[in-house]
PDB file of all heavy atoms in Angstrom:
ATOM      1  N   MET A   1       5.450  -8.841 -14.941  1.00  0.00           N
ATOM      2  CA  MET A   1       5.617 -10.151 -15.631  1.00  0.00           C
ATOM      3  C   MET A   1       5.532  -9.952 -17.107  1.00  0.00           C
ATOM      4  O   MET A   1       4.890  -8.960 -17.594  1.00  0.00           O
ATOM      5  CB  MET A   1       4.409 -11.070 -15.206  1.00  0.00           C
ATOM      6  CG  MET A   1       4.423 -11.557 -13.793  1.00  0.00           C
ATOM      7  SD  MET A   1       3.119 -12.811 -13.545  1.00  0.00           S
ATOM      8  CE  MET A   1       3.254 -13.105 -11.810  1.00  0.00           C
ATOM      9  N   VAL A   2       6.236 -10.826 -17.814  1.00  0.00           N
ATOM     10  CA  VAL A   2       6.148 -10.803 -19.279  1.00  0.00           C
ATOM     11  C   VAL A   2       5.780 -12.220 -19.813  1.00  0.00           C
ATOM     12  O   VAL A   2       6.421 -13.150 -19.415  1.00  0.00           O
ATOM     13  CB  VAL A   2       7.538 -10.353 -19.899  1.00  0.00           C
ATOM     14  CG1 VAL A   2       7.441 -10.421 -21.436  1.00  0.00           C
ATOM     15  CG2 VAL A   2       7.914  -9.000 -19.425  1.00  0.00           C
ATOM     16  N   ASP A   3       4.743 -12.266 -20.598  1.00  0.00           N
ATOM     17  CA  ASP A   3       4.330 -13.564 -21.188  1.00  0.00           C
ATOM     18  C   ASP A   3       5.022 -13.734 -22.478  1.00  0.00           C
ATOM     19  O   ASP A   3       4.849 -12.964 -23.483  1.00  0.00           O
ATOM     20  CB  ASP A   3       2.797 -13.515 -21.383  1.00  0.00           C
ATOM     21  CG  ASP A   3       2.346 -14.775 -22.078  1.00  0.00           C
ATOM     22  OD1 ASP A   3       3.093 -15.743 -22.101  1.00  0.00           O
ATOM     23  OD2 ASP A   3       1.152 -14.794 -22.590  1.00  0.00           O
ATOM     24  N   LEU A   4       5.944 -14.713 -22.552  1.00  0.00           N
ATOM     25  CA  LEU A   4       6.776 -14.882 -23.686  1.00  0.00           C
ATOM     26  C   LEU A   4       5.944 -15.364 -24.924  1.00  0.00           C
ATOM     27  O   LEU A   4       6.400 -15.256 -25.998  1.00  0.00           O
ATOM     28  CB  LEU A   4       7.889 -15.863 -23.432  1.00  0.00           C
ATOM     29  CG  LEU A   4       8.839 -15.504 -22.249  1.00  0.00           C
ATOM     30  CD1 LEU A   4       9.862 -16.586 -22.060  1.00  0.00           C
ATOM     31  CD2 LEU A   4       9.461 -14.068 -22.509  1.00  0.00           C
ATOM     32  N   ASP A   5       4.788 -15.970 -24.679  1.00  0.00           N
ATOM     33  CA  ASP A   5       3.964 -16.481 -25.764  1.00  0.00           C
ATOM     34  C   ASP A   5       2.954 -15.485 -26.214  1.00  0.00           C
ATOM     35  O   ASP A   5       2.248 -15.680 -27.140  1.00  0.00           O
ATOM     36  CB  ASP A   5       3.154 -17.717 -25.318  1.00  0.00           C
ATOM     37  CG  ASP A   5       4.053 -18.913 -24.966  1.00  0.00           C
ATOM     38  OD1 ASP A   5       5.082 -19.008 -25.663  1.00  0.00           O
ATOM     39  OD2 ASP A   5       3.782 -19.661 -24.108  1.00  0.00           O
ATOM     40  N   SER A   6       2.868 -14.327 -25.506  1.00  0.00           N
ATOM     41  CA  SER A   6       1.947 -13.295 -25.874  1.00  0.00           C
ATOM     42  C   SER A   6       0.491 -13.769 -25.933  1.00  0.00           C
ATOM     43  O   SER A   6      -0.234 -13.489 -26.920  1.00  0.00           O
ATOM     44  CB  SER A   6       2.366 -12.564 -27.147  1.00  0.00           C
ATOM     45  OG  SER A   6       3.655 -11.992 -27.056  1.00  0.00           O
ATOM     46  N   ASP A   7       0.100 -14.522 -24.946  1.00  0.00           N
ATOM     47  CA  ASP A   7      -1.265 -15.145 -24.880  1.00  0.00           C
ATOM     48  C   ASP A   7      -1.932 -14.559 -23.671  1.00  0.00           C
ATOM     49  O   ASP A   7      -1.780 -14.889 -22.587  1.00  0.00           O
ATOM     50  CB  ASP A   7      -1.134 -16.689 -24.722  1.00  0.00           C
ATOM     51  CG  ASP A   7      -2.554 -17.225 -24.583  1.00  0.00           C
ATOM     52  OD1 ASP A   7      -3.521 -16.526 -24.753  1.00  0.00           O
ATOM     53  OD2 ASP A   7      -2.642 -18.438 -24.277  1.00  0.00           O
ATOM     54  N   PRO A   8      -2.875 -13.495 -24.012  1.00  0.00           N
ATOM     55  CA  PRO A   8      -3.517 -12.813 -22.848  1.00  0.00           C
ATOM     56  C   PRO A   8      -4.221 -13.681 -21.887  1.00  0.00           C
ATOM     57  O   PRO A   8      -4.371 -13.370 -20.703  1.00  0.00           O
ATOM     58  CB  PRO A   8      -4.293 -11.756 -23.577  1.00  0.00           C
ATOM     59  CG  PRO A   8      -3.812 -11.579 -24.913  1.00  0.00           C
ATOM     60  CD  PRO A   8      -3.207 -12.901 -25.229  1.00  0.00           C
ATOM     61  N   THR A   9      -4.855 -14.726 -22.458  1.00  0.00           N
ATOM     62  CA  THR A   9      -5.671 -15.613 -21.556  1.00  0.00           C
ATOM     63  C   THR A   9      -4.753 -16.369 -20.525  1.00  0.00           C
ATOM     64  O   THR A   9      -5.240 -16.904 -19.575  1.00  0.00           O
ATOM     65  CB  THR A   9      -6.364 -16.655 -22.332  1.00  0.00           C
ATOM     66  OG1 THR A   9      -5.461 -17.537 -23.094  1.00  0.00           O
ATOM     67  CG2 THR A   9      -7.314 -16.048 -23.408  1.00  0.00           C
ATOM     68  N   LYS A  10      -3.444 -16.337 -20.723  1.00  0.00           N
ATOM     69  CA  LYS A  10      -2.550 -17.035 -19.825  1.00  0.00           C
ATOM     70  C   LYS A  10      -2.611 -16.411 -18.378  1.00  0.00           C
ATOM     71  O   LYS A  10      -2.211 -16.982 -17.384  1.00  0.00           O
ATOM     72  CB  LYS A  10      -1.173 -17.041 -20.283  1.00  0.00           C
ATOM     73  CG  LYS A  10      -0.311 -18.073 -19.600  1.00  0.00           C
ATOM     74  CD  LYS A  10       1.135 -18.063 -20.097  1.00  0.00           C
ATOM     75  CE  LYS A  10       1.261 -18.546 -21.517  1.00  0.00           C
ATOM     76  NZ  LYS A  10       2.614 -18.600 -22.051  1.00  0.00           N
ATOM     77  N   LEU A  11      -3.124 -15.135 -18.335  1.00  0.00           N
ATOM     78  CA  LEU A  11      -3.207 -14.474 -17.023  1.00  0.00           C
ATOM     79  C   LEU A  11      -4.068 -15.296 -16.029  1.00  0.00           C
ATOM     80  O   LEU A  11      -3.818 -15.336 -14.915  1.00  0.00           O
ATOM     81  CB  LEU A  11      -3.844 -13.069 -17.239  1.00  0.00           C
ATOM     82  CG  LEU A  11      -3.845 -12.148 -16.008  1.00  0.00           C
ATOM     83  CD1 LEU A  11      -2.464 -11.950 -15.488  1.00  0.00           C
ATOM     84  CD2 LEU A  11      -4.479 -10.823 -16.454  1.00  0.00           C
ATOM     85  N   ILE A  12      -5.007 -16.070 -16.633  1.00  0.00           N
ATOM     86  CA  ILE A  12      -5.814 -16.967 -15.754  1.00  0.00           C
ATOM     87  C   ILE A  12      -4.950 -18.058 -15.175  1.00  0.00           C
ATOM     88  O   ILE A  12      -5.093 -18.354 -14.006  1.00  0.00           O
ATOM     89  CB  ILE A  12      -6.972 -17.558 -16.662  1.00  0.00           C
ATOM     90  CG1 ILE A  12      -7.883 -16.405 -17.147  1.00  0.00           C
ATOM     91  CG2 ILE A  12      -7.836 -18.569 -15.804  1.00  0.00           C
ATOM     92  CD1 ILE A  12      -8.927 -16.887 -18.088  1.00  0.00           C
ATOM     93  N   GLU A  13      -4.067 -18.615 -15.990  1.00  0.00           N
ATOM     94  CA  GLU A  13      -3.090 -19.671 -15.450  1.00  0.00           C
ATOM     95  C   GLU A  13      -2.135 -19.081 -14.440  1.00  0.00           C
ATOM     96  O   GLU A  13      -1.803 -19.712 -13.481  1.00  0.00           O
ATOM     97  CB  GLU A  13      -2.416 -20.329 -16.645  1.00  0.00           C
ATOM     98  CG  GLU A  13      -3.107 -21.446 -17.307  1.00  0.00           C
ATOM     99  CD  GLU A  13      -4.161 -20.936 -18.219  1.00  0.00           C
ATOM    100  OE1 GLU A  13      -4.076 -19.788 -18.653  1.00  0.00           O
ATOM    101  OE2 GLU A  13      -5.150 -21.682 -18.532  1.00  0.00           O
ATOM    102  N   VAL A  14      -1.691 -17.874 -14.685  1.00  0.00           N
ATOM    103  CA  VAL A  14      -0.805 -17.167 -13.775  1.00  0.00           C
ATOM    104  C   VAL A  14      -1.420 -17.100 -12.381  1.00  0.00           C
ATOM    105  O   VAL A  14      -0.792 -17.257 -11.395  1.00  0.00           O
ATOM    106  CB  VAL A  14      -0.358 -15.765 -14.348  1.00  0.00           C
ATOM    107  CG1 VAL A  14       0.419 -15.037 -13.248  1.00  0.00           C
ATOM    108  CG2 VAL A  14       0.537 -15.945 -15.548  1.00  0.00           C
ATOM    109  N   VAL A  15      -2.690 -16.720 -12.345  1.00  0.00           N
ATOM    110  CA  VAL A  15      -3.397 -16.693 -11.090  1.00  0.00           C
ATOM    111  C   VAL A  15      -3.413 -18.049 -10.391  1.00  0.00           C
ATOM    112  O   VAL A  15      -3.143 -18.112  -9.225  1.00  0.00           O
ATOM    113  CB  VAL A  15      -4.899 -16.244 -11.343  1.00  0.00           C
ATOM    114  CG1 VAL A  15      -5.661 -16.355 -10.020  1.00  0.00           C
ATOM    115  CG2 VAL A  15      -4.886 -14.801 -11.809  1.00  0.00           C
ATOM    116  N   GLY A  16      -3.637 -19.094 -11.169  1.00  0.00           N
ATOM    117  CA  GLY A  16      -3.642 -20.398 -10.555  1.00  0.00           C
ATOM    118  C   GLY A  16      -2.258 -20.823 -10.080  1.00  0.00           C
ATOM    119  O   GLY A  16      -2.109 -21.405  -8.951  1.00  0.00           O
ATOM    120  N   LEU A  17      -1.182 -20.430 -10.772  1.00  0.00           N
ATOM    121  CA  LEU A  17       0.131 -20.715 -10.307  1.00  0.00           C
ATOM    122  C   LEU A  17       0.474 -19.983  -9.081  1.00  0.00           C
ATOM    123  O   LEU A  17       1.155 -20.473  -8.103  1.00  0.00           O
ATOM    124  CB  LEU A  17       1.175 -20.428 -11.384  1.00  0.00           C
ATOM    125  CG  LEU A  17       1.169 -21.286 -12.617  1.00  0.00           C
ATOM    126  CD1 LEU A  17       2.099 -20.732 -13.734  1.00  0.00           C
ATOM    127  CD2 LEU A  17       1.658 -22.678 -12.252  1.00  0.00           C
ATOM    128  N   GLY A  18       0.030 -18.742  -9.000  1.00  0.00           N
ATOM    129  CA  GLY A  18       0.256 -17.918  -7.718  1.00  0.00           C
ATOM    130  C   GLY A  18      -0.411 -18.517  -6.514  1.00  0.00           C
ATOM    131  O   GLY A  18       0.109 -18.602  -5.470  1.00  0.00           O
ATOM    132  N   LYS A  19      -1.677 -18.932  -6.770  1.00  0.00           N
ATOM    133  CA  LYS A  19      -2.410 -19.631  -5.668  1.00  0.00           C
ATOM    134  C   LYS A  19      -1.820 -20.947  -5.270  1.00  0.00           C
ATOM    135  O   LYS A  19      -1.755 -21.301  -4.092  1.00  0.00           O
ATOM    136  CB  LYS A  19      -3.890 -19.840  -6.118  1.00  0.00           C
ATOM    137  CG  LYS A  19      -4.711 -18.492  -6.112  1.00  0.00           C
ATOM    138  CD  LYS A  19      -6.157 -18.767  -6.373  1.00  0.00           C
ATOM    139  CE  LYS A  19      -6.938 -17.480  -6.275  1.00  0.00           C
ATOM    140  NZ  LYS A  19      -6.905 -16.867  -4.995  1.00  0.00           N
ATOM    141  N   GLN A  20      -1.261 -21.644  -6.274  1.00  0.00           N
ATOM    142  CA  GLN A  20      -0.580 -22.917  -5.938  1.00  0.00           C
ATOM    143  C   GLN A  20       0.697 -22.695  -5.063  1.00  0.00           C
ATOM    144  O   GLN A  20       0.967 -23.386  -4.195  1.00  0.00           O
ATOM    145  CB  GLN A  20      -0.202 -23.590  -7.244  1.00  0.00           C
ATOM    146  CG  GLN A  20       0.412 -25.002  -7.050  1.00  0.00           C
ATOM    147  CD  GLN A  20       0.956 -25.623  -8.308  1.00  0.00           C
ATOM    148  OE1 GLN A  20       1.552 -25.027  -9.138  1.00  0.00           O
ATOM    149  NE2 GLN A  20       0.726 -26.929  -8.400  1.00  0.00           N
ATOM    150  N   LEU A  21       1.473 -21.573  -5.423  1.00  0.00           N
ATOM    151  CA  LEU A  21       2.538 -21.305  -4.606  1.00  0.00           C
ATOM    152  C   LEU A  21       2.191 -21.041  -3.120  1.00  0.00           C
ATOM    153  O   LEU A  21       2.796 -21.557  -2.244  1.00  0.00           O
ATOM    154  CB  LEU A  21       3.342 -20.086  -5.210  1.00  0.00           C
ATOM    155  CG  LEU A  21       4.421 -19.533  -4.406  1.00  0.00           C
ATOM    156  CD1 LEU A  21       5.583 -20.470  -4.195  1.00  0.00           C
ATOM    157  CD2 LEU A  21       4.992 -18.223  -5.018  1.00  0.00           C
ATOM    158  N   LEU A  22       1.223 -20.172  -2.997  1.00  0.00           N
ATOM    159  CA  LEU A  22       0.789 -19.807  -1.684  1.00  0.00           C
ATOM    160  C   LEU A  22       0.189 -20.982  -0.884  1.00  0.00           C
ATOM    161  O   LEU A  22       0.535 -21.257   0.327  1.00  0.00           O
ATOM    162  CB  LEU A  22      -0.306 -18.738  -1.646  1.00  0.00           C
ATOM    163  CG  LEU A  22       0.197 -17.373  -2.209  1.00  0.00           C
ATOM    164  CD1 LEU A  22      -1.011 -16.372  -2.307  1.00  0.00           C
ATOM    165  CD2 LEU A  22       1.259 -16.726  -1.251  1.00  0.00           C
ATOM    166  N   MET A  23      -0.526 -21.853  -1.656  1.00  0.00           N
ATOM    167  CA  MET A  23      -1.094 -23.068  -0.985  1.00  0.00           C
ATOM    168  C   MET A  23       0.021 -24.045  -0.594  1.00  0.00           C
ATOM    169  O   MET A  23      -0.082 -24.685   0.474  1.00  0.00           O
ATOM    170  CB  MET A  23      -2.062 -23.709  -1.967  1.00  0.00           C
ATOM    171  CG  MET A  23      -3.472 -23.247  -1.934  1.00  0.00           C
ATOM    172  SD  MET A  23      -4.602 -24.386  -2.748  1.00  0.00           S
ATOM    173  CE  MET A  23      -4.346 -25.826  -1.879  1.00  0.00           C
ATOM    174  N   THR A  24       1.020 -24.213  -1.451  1.00  0.00           N
ATOM    175  CA  THR A  24       2.128 -25.162  -1.152  1.00  0.00           C
ATOM    176  C   THR A  24       2.875 -24.656   0.091  1.00  0.00           C
ATOM    177  O   THR A  24       3.123 -25.491   0.996  1.00  0.00           O
ATOM    178  CB  THR A  24       3.069 -25.153  -2.296  1.00  0.00           C
ATOM    179  OG1 THR A  24       2.413 -25.576  -3.494  1.00  0.00           O
ATOM    180  CG2 THR A  24       4.177 -26.195  -2.085  1.00  0.00           C
ATOM    181  N   ARG A  25       3.085 -23.406   0.246  1.00  0.00           N
ATOM    182  CA  ARG A  25       3.807 -22.921   1.378  1.00  0.00           C
ATOM    183  C   ARG A  25       2.970 -23.066   2.666  1.00  0.00           C
ATOM    184  O   ARG A  25       3.433 -23.476   3.714  1.00  0.00           O
ATOM    185  CB  ARG A  25       4.182 -21.425   1.154  1.00  0.00           C
ATOM    186  CG  ARG A  25       5.085 -20.870   2.256  1.00  0.00           C
ATOM    187  CD  ARG A  25       5.436 -19.421   1.878  1.00  0.00           C
ATOM    188  NE  ARG A  25       6.273 -19.302   0.704  1.00  0.00           N
ATOM    189  CZ  ARG A  25       6.210 -18.342  -0.199  1.00  0.00           C
ATOM    190  NH1 ARG A  25       5.294 -17.374  -0.037  1.00  0.00           N
ATOM    191  NH2 ARG A  25       6.978 -18.347  -1.205  1.00  0.00           N
ATOM    192  N   GLY A  26       1.667 -22.701   2.503  1.00  0.00           N
ATOM    193  CA  GLY A  26       0.809 -22.876   3.696  1.00  0.00           C
ATOM    194  C   GLY A  26       0.518 -24.273   4.070  1.00  0.00           C
ATOM    195  O   GLY A  26       0.559 -24.580   5.275  1.00  0.00           O
ATOM    196  N   SER A  27       0.413 -25.129   3.149  1.00  0.00           N
ATOM    197  CA  SER A  27       0.173 -26.508   3.435  1.00  0.00           C
ATOM    198  C   SER A  27       1.316 -27.157   4.161  1.00  0.00           C
ATOM    199  O   SER A  27       1.221 -27.881   5.085  1.00  0.00           O
ATOM    200  CB  SER A  27      -0.135 -27.315   2.159  1.00  0.00           C
ATOM    201  OG  SER A  27      -1.381 -26.828   1.557  1.00  0.00           O
TER     202      SER A  27
END
């Protein structure tokens, strides 16, 4: 993955987005 904003803390949001994808599919 490449963060275009170069904000290292965004990795926390990326985790949330990944979990949201898996949850959406599972739900």
